[in-house]
C-alpha atoms as a PDB file:
ATOM      1  CA  MET A   1      35.721  72.313  28.227  1.00  0.00           C
ATOM      2  CA  ILE A   2      36.926  69.380  30.323  1.00  0.00           C
ATOM      3  CA  LYS A   3      40.325  67.962  29.383  1.00  0.00           C
ATOM      4  CA  ASN A   4      41.694  64.604  30.417  1.00  0.00           C
ATOM      5  CA  LEU A   5      45.002  64.358  32.206  1.00  0.00           C
ATOM      6  CA  ASP A   6      46.758  61.150  31.126  1.00  0.00           C
ATOM      7  CA  ILE A   7      49.833  59.821  32.919  1.00  0.00           C
ATOM      8  CA  TYR A   8      52.116  57.161  31.453  1.00  0.00           C
ATOM      9  CA  TYR A   9      55.333  55.794  32.935  1.00  0.00           C
ATOM     10  CA  ASP A  10      57.869  53.869  30.819  1.00  0.00           C
ATOM     11  CA  LYS A  11      59.703  51.742  33.388  1.00  0.00           C
ATOM     12  CA  LYS A  12      62.394  50.545  30.975  1.00  0.00           C
ATOM     13  CA  ALA A  13      63.346  54.099  29.885  1.00  0.00           C
ATOM     14  CA  ASP A  14      62.475  55.746  33.260  1.00  0.00           C
ATOM     15  CA  ILE A  15      60.345  58.415  31.543  1.00  0.00           C
ATOM     16  CA  LEU A  16      57.118  59.908  32.899  1.00  0.00           C
ATOM     17  CA  GLU A  17      54.744  61.451  30.364  1.00  0.00           C
ATOM     18  CA  ILE A  18      51.823  63.632  31.348  1.00  0.00           C
ATOM     19  CA  THR A  19      49.454  64.724  28.590  1.00  0.00           C
ATOM     20  CA  ILE A  20      46.542  67.138  28.722  1.00  0.00           C
ATOM     21  CA  GLY A  21      43.572  66.762  26.388  1.00  0.00           C
ATOM     22  CA  GLU A  22      43.492  65.245  22.920  1.00  0.00           C
ATOM     23  CA  PRO A  23      46.750  64.467  21.080  1.00  0.00           C
ATOM     24  CA  SER A  24      48.011  67.178  18.718  1.00  0.00           C
ATOM     25  CA  SER A  25      51.217  68.269  17.003  1.00  0.00           C
ATOM     26  CA  CYS A  26      53.474  69.793  19.631  1.00  0.00           C
ATOM     27  CA  ILE A  27      56.778  71.486  20.144  1.00  0.00           C
ATOM     28  CA  PHE A  28      58.840  70.665  23.220  1.00  0.00           C
ATOM     29  CA  ASP A  29      60.851  73.134  25.268  1.00  0.00           C
ATOM     30  CA  GLU A  30      63.384  71.940  27.828  1.00  0.00           C
ATOM     31  CA  VAL A  31      62.381  73.878  30.964  1.00  0.00           C
ATOM     32  CA  GLU A  32      64.947  72.163  33.158  1.00  0.00           C
ATOM     33  CA  GLU A  33      67.571  69.539  32.372  1.00  0.00           C
ATOM     34  CA  GLY A  34      65.645  66.417  31.344  1.00  0.00           C
ATOM     35  CA  ILE A  35      62.206  68.024  31.799  1.00  0.00           C
ATOM     36  CA  PHE A  36      60.287  69.058  28.700  1.00  0.00           C
ATOM     37  CA  GLU A  37      57.056  71.021  28.363  1.00  0.00           C
ATOM     38  CA  ALA A  38      54.845  70.364  25.315  1.00  0.00           C
ATOM     39  CA  HIS A  39      52.859  73.134  23.619  1.00  0.00           C
ATOM     40  CA  ASP A  40      50.376  72.798  20.765  1.00  0.00           C
ATOM     41  CA  ILE A  41      51.911  74.109  17.531  1.00  0.00           C
ATOM     42  CA  GLU A  42      48.733  75.949  16.458  1.00  0.00           C
ATOM     43  CA  THR A  43      47.375  77.305  19.758  1.00  0.00           C
ATOM     44  CA  ASN A  44      50.526  77.315  21.929  1.00  0.00           C
ATOM     45  CA  GLY A  45      48.352  75.769  24.663  1.00  0.00           C
ATOM     46  CA  LEU A  46      50.020  73.578  27.274  1.00  0.00           C
ATOM     47  CA  LYS A  47      49.725  69.911  26.245  1.00  0.00           C
ATOM     48  CA  GLY A  48      51.919  68.139  28.779  1.00  0.00           C
ATOM     49  CA  TYR A  49      55.300  67.228  30.189  1.00  0.00           C
ATOM     50  CA  LYS A  50      57.953  64.595  29.587  1.00  0.00           C
ATOM     51  CA  ILE A  51      60.306  63.870  32.497  1.00  0.00           C
ATOM     52  CA  PHE A  52      63.437  61.811  31.859  1.00  0.00           C
ATOM     53  CA  ASP A  53      65.172  59.885  34.692  1.00  0.00           C
ATOM     54  CA  PHE A  54      61.948  60.112  36.674  1.00  0.00           C
ATOM     55  CA  LEU A  55      62.799  57.657  39.460  1.00  0.00           C
ATOM     56  CA  LYS A  56      66.396  58.895  39.655  1.00  0.00           C
ATOM     57  CA  ARG A  57      64.912  62.322  40.430  1.00  0.00           C
ATOM     58  CA  GLY A  58      63.007  60.859  43.373  1.00  0.00           C
ATOM     59  CA  GLY A  59      59.743  59.895  41.668  1.00  0.00           C
ATOM     60  CA  MET A  60      56.509  61.613  42.627  1.00  0.00           C
ATOM     61  CA  LYS A  61      57.786  63.025  45.917  1.00  0.00           C
ATOM     62  CA  ASN A  62      59.992  65.567  44.099  1.00  0.00           C
ATOM     63  CA  ILE A  63      57.814  66.466  41.098  1.00  0.00           C
ATOM     64  CA  LYS A  64      55.847  69.716  41.194  1.00  0.00           C
ATOM     65  CA  ILE A  65      53.946  70.709  38.075  1.00  0.00           C
ATOM     66  CA  PRO A  66      52.004  73.965  37.963  1.00  0.00           C
ATOM     67  CA  LEU A  67      48.578  73.350  36.482  1.00  0.00           C
ATOM     68  CA  PRO A  68      46.801  75.841  34.227  1.00  0.00           C
ATOM     69  CA  ALA A  69      44.279  77.943  36.141  1.00  0.00           C
ATOM     70  CA  ASN A  70      41.381  76.604  34.062  1.00  0.00           C
ATOM     71  CA  VAL A  71      41.843  72.923  34.999  1.00  0.00           C
ATOM     72  CA  SER A  72      38.680  71.206  36.217  1.00  0.00           C
ATOM     73  CA  ILE A  73      38.993  67.936  38.140  1.00  0.00           C
ATOM     74  CA  ASN A  74      35.834  65.887  38.635  1.00  0.00           C
END
């Protein structure tokens, strides 16, 4: 199954959101200060990330996100 990877940046709040697949009810775990990982409540599958103070952290040059092994990019 192909899942979309959606990226949204809120400039006013300096928050980067990355979502995987269709929206669902999620729980968020703080994996590092200001970085949260979202997991589907029912399946526990990875649904995305929320990164606070994104530009203060250096923007894209300092962000490394491990992707699930089953990701397909076309």
